[in-house]
Amino acid sequence: MKFRDFLNEELSNDEFRKEYDALAPKYAIIEQIIKERSLQSITQKELAKRTGIRQSNISRLENGNYNPSIEFLQKVAAGLGKKIYIELR
């Protein structure tokens, strides 16, 4: 079974969908950070140097094992030459 098929099947479960949707913003920002770092061809070590954040914390963020503060995300964004925008919908 392919992952996308499995995910679609699981998303039909209301409890699973609720948990999945709750995590979506966290993983969306992680995906954007990894993508931008990749586009700029910089390593986690280089991003750490630019931000003053330990490389291990950047790694934990990218692996989804860190619950960052807005200030942390602002530092990461600045290290990538970007800004954070937050909106309520």
Protein backbone atom coordinates (compact mmCIF):
# COMPACT_ATOMS: atom_id res chain seq x y z
CA MET A 1 0.00 0.00 0.00
CA LYS A 2 1.35 3.43 -0.89
CA PHE A 3 1.60 6.04 1.82
CA ARG A 4 -0.87 8.41 0.14
CA ASP A 5 -3.46 5.63 -0.08
CA PHE A 6 -2.88 4.74 3.56
CA LEU A 7 -3.18 8.39 4.60
CA ASN A 8 -6.40 8.89 2.67
CA GLU A 9 -7.86 5.80 4.30
CA GLU A 10 -6.85 6.98 7.78
CA LEU A 11 -8.22 10.48 7.15
CA SER A 12 -11.69 8.99 6.87
CA ASN A 13 -11.45 8.36 10.63
CA ASP A 14 -12.68 11.54 12.39
CA GLU A 15 -10.37 11.16 15.38
CA PHE A 16 -7.32 10.65 13.16
CA ARG A 17 -8.29 13.61 10.95
CA LYS A 18 -8.64 15.86 14.01
CA GLU A 19 -5.11 15.00 15.21
CA TYR A 20 -3.69 15.26 11.69
CA ASP A 21 -5.25 18.70 11.17
CA ALA A 22 -3.96 19.89 14.55
CA LEU A 23 -0.38 19.13 13.49
CA ALA A 24 -0.66 20.65 10.01
CA PRO A 25 0.61 24.18 10.88
CA LYS A 26 3.68 22.80 12.67
CA TYR A 27 4.67 20.60 9.77
CA ALA A 28 3.91 23.30 7.21
CA ILE A 29 6.48 25.66 8.74
CA ILE A 30 9.01 22.85 9.06
CA GLU A 31 8.52 22.01 5.38
CA GLN A 32 9.03 25.66 4.40
CA ILE A 33 12.23 25.95 6.45
CA ILE A 34 13.72 22.79 4.97
CA LYS A 35 12.72 23.82 1.45
CA GLU A 36 14.23 27.30 1.81
CA ARG A 37 17.43 25.96 3.34
CA SER A 38 17.70 23.52 0.45
CA LEU A 39 17.05 26.22 -2.15
CA GLN A 40 19.84 28.29 -0.62
CA SER A 41 22.11 25.23 -0.49
CA ILE A 42 23.01 25.79 3.14
CA THR A 43 23.51 23.19 5.84
CA GLN A 44 21.99 23.14 9.27
CA LYS A 45 25.44 24.05 10.55
CA GLU A 46 25.52 27.16 8.34
CA LEU A 47 22.01 28.16 9.42
CA ALA A 48 23.07 27.71 13.04
CA LYS A 49 26.03 30.00 12.46
CA ARG A 50 23.79 32.63 10.85
CA THR A 51 21.23 32.53 13.66
CA GLY A 52 23.23 31.83 16.80
CA ILE A 53 21.03 28.77 17.37
CA ARG A 54 22.70 25.44 18.04
CA GLN A 55 22.68 23.08 15.08
CA SER A 56 21.15 20.38 17.26
CA ASN A 57 18.12 22.60 17.89
CA ILE A 58 17.69 23.24 14.18
CA SER A 59 17.89 19.50 13.59
CA ARG A 60 15.26 18.84 16.26
CA LEU A 61 13.00 21.46 14.68
CA GLU A 62 13.35 19.96 11.21
CA ASN A 63 12.67 16.48 12.58
CA GLY A 64 9.49 17.65 14.30
CA ASN A 65 10.92 17.01 17.77
CA TYR A 66 10.95 20.61 18.94
CA ASN A 67 8.13 22.99 19.78
CA PRO A 68 9.65 26.34 18.79
CA SER A 69 8.69 29.74 20.10
CA ILE A 70 7.80 32.54 17.72
CA GLU A 71 11.13 34.17 18.60
CA PHE A 72 12.96 30.99 17.61
CA LEU A 73 11.14 30.88 14.27
CA GLN A 74 11.89 34.56 13.69
CA LYS A 75 15.62 33.88 14.18
CA VAL A 76 15.50 30.96 11.77
CA ALA A 77 13.58 33.03 9.22
CA ALA A 78 16.06 35.91 9.53
CA GLY A 79 18.92 33.44 9.04
CA LEU A 80 17.26 32.48 5.77
CA GLY A 81 16.71 36.11 4.80
CA LYS A 82 12.96 35.76 5.36
CA LYS A 83 10.27 36.99 7.74
CA ILE A 84 7.53 35.14 9.60
CA TYR A 85 3.91 36.06 8.94
CA ILE A 86 1.14 34.65 11.10
CA GLU A 87 -2.55 34.90 10.39
CA LEU A 88 -5.73 33.68 11.95
CA ARG A 89 -8.36 32.15 9.70
